[in-house]
Amino acid sequence: MKKSLALGMAGVVMALGLSAYPTTVEAHADPVSAVGDGPGPMADIVCRTLDGDPTVQGVRQMMVNYTGFMINRNLAWDTILNGVVWDCPQHADLLKDYAQFYGQYH
């Protein structure tokens, strides 16, 4: 009986303690876009690389280099995409070709 009473009291204390915390939390986040707010630190390198090898294989090699060097595939693609959008939009069709060719493997 004492054990039941102690467990019951512990339950009441826990319930009272937990009721002080909000049961719902409202999330606040700023909207983001697929393209960053600026060219980023790698944009110049992306554009020079694509200028030197404007092929689907050139984009693939850059993806391999970036993922092996420091970042995952998604971040590598975002880095390349942001560079093209902000600094060298003339390579946009090349990225579309890359996505069409390699998209099934990612």
Protein backbone atom coordinates (compact mmCIF):
# COMPACT_ATOMS: atom_id res chain seq x y z
CA MET A 1 0.00 0.00 0.00
CA LYS A 2 2.80 2.42 0.86
CA LYS A 3 4.53 1.51 -2.40
CA SER A 4 1.34 2.19 -4.39
CA LEU A 5 0.81 5.48 -2.61
CA ALA A 6 4.43 6.50 -3.25
CA LEU A 7 4.15 5.61 -6.94
CA GLY A 8 0.84 7.46 -7.16
CA MET A 9 2.33 10.56 -5.57
CA ALA A 10 5.35 10.36 -7.87
CA GLY A 11 2.99 10.25 -10.85
CA VAL A 12 1.12 13.32 -9.62
CA VAL A 13 4.36 15.21 -9.05
CA MET A 14 5.59 14.28 -12.54
CA ALA A 15 2.30 15.29 -14.12
CA LEU A 16 2.35 18.63 -12.34
CA GLY A 17 5.96 19.20 -13.31
CA LEU A 18 5.40 18.31 -16.96
CA SER A 19 2.32 20.49 -17.20
CA ALA A 20 4.59 23.50 -16.78
CA TYR A 21 6.12 22.76 -20.20
CA PRO A 22 4.27 23.70 -23.36
CA THR A 23 2.70 20.79 -25.16
CA THR A 24 3.07 22.34 -28.59
CA VAL A 25 5.95 24.27 -30.06
CA GLU A 26 5.54 26.65 -32.93
CA ALA A 27 8.39 26.44 -35.42
CA HIS A 28 9.91 29.59 -36.86
CA ALA A 29 12.16 29.46 -39.91
CA ASP A 30 13.03 31.80 -42.70
CA PRO A 31 12.18 30.50 -46.15
CA VAL A 32 15.09 29.30 -48.26
CA SER A 33 15.46 28.93 -51.97
CA ALA A 34 17.27 26.36 -54.04
CA VAL A 35 19.73 29.03 -55.08
CA GLY A 36 21.74 30.81 -52.41
CA ASP A 37 21.86 34.51 -51.68
CA GLY A 38 25.02 34.99 -53.68
CA PRO A 39 27.66 33.24 -55.71
CA GLY A 40 29.53 31.78 -52.76
CA PRO A 41 33.28 31.25 -52.42
CA MET A 42 33.52 28.49 -55.04
CA ALA A 43 31.66 30.21 -57.89
CA ASP A 44 34.82 31.41 -59.62
CA ILE A 45 36.37 27.93 -59.48
CA VAL A 46 33.17 26.34 -60.78
CA CYS A 47 33.03 28.71 -63.74
CA ARG A 48 36.72 28.40 -64.60
CA THR A 49 36.45 24.61 -64.43
CA LEU A 50 33.42 24.54 -66.70
CA ASP A 51 35.06 27.01 -69.08
CA GLY A 52 38.02 24.63 -69.34
CA ASP A 53 35.93 21.46 -69.80
CA PRO A 54 32.39 22.35 -70.87
CA THR A 55 31.18 18.75 -71.07
CA VAL A 56 28.92 16.49 -69.05
CA GLN A 57 32.03 14.52 -68.10
CA GLY A 58 33.62 17.77 -66.89
CA VAL A 59 30.68 18.37 -64.56
CA ARG A 60 30.90 14.75 -63.40
CA GLN A 61 34.59 15.11 -62.64
CA MET A 62 33.92 18.26 -60.64
CA MET A 63 31.23 16.39 -58.65
CA VAL A 64 33.69 13.57 -57.97
CA ASN A 65 36.40 16.01 -56.92
CA TYR A 66 34.09 17.94 -54.60
CA THR A 67 32.60 14.88 -52.94
CA GLY A 68 36.04 13.36 -52.45
CA PHE A 69 37.47 16.59 -51.13
CA MET A 70 35.03 17.96 -48.61
CA ILE A 71 31.31 17.72 -49.23
CA ASN A 72 28.46 15.34 -49.96
CA ARG A 73 26.75 15.05 -53.36
CA ASN A 74 23.90 17.40 -52.49
CA LEU A 75 26.21 20.14 -51.28
CA ALA A 76 28.51 19.61 -54.27
CA TRP A 77 25.57 20.01 -56.64
CA ASP A 78 24.36 23.11 -54.78
CA THR A 79 27.86 24.60 -55.00
CA ILE A 80 28.06 23.98 -58.74
CA LEU A 81 24.50 25.16 -59.36
CA ASN A 82 24.98 28.37 -57.38
CA GLY A 83 28.21 29.11 -59.23
CA VAL A 84 26.52 28.70 -62.60
CA VAL A 85 23.41 30.68 -61.65
CA TRP A 86 25.35 33.61 -60.24
CA ASP A 87 28.56 33.77 -62.26
CA CYS A 88 28.33 31.77 -65.48
CA PRO A 89 24.75 31.20 -66.63
CA GLN A 90 26.07 30.27 -70.06
CA HIS A 91 26.69 26.79 -68.58
CA ALA A 92 23.08 26.26 -67.45
CA ASP A 93 22.29 23.93 -70.37
CA LEU A 94 25.35 21.88 -69.50
CA LEU A 95 23.99 21.32 -65.99
CA LYS A 96 20.64 20.31 -67.45
CA ASP A 97 22.42 17.77 -69.67
CA TYR A 98 24.34 16.45 -66.67
CA ALA A 99 21.16 16.11 -64.60
CA GLN A 100 19.40 14.32 -67.44
CA PHE A 101 22.29 11.91 -67.99
CA TYR A 102 23.35 11.22 -64.38
CA GLY A 103 20.15 12.04 -62.51
CA GLN A 104 19.05 8.41 -62.49
CA TYR A 105 22.20 7.41 -60.60
CA HIS A 106 21.97 9.98 -57.81
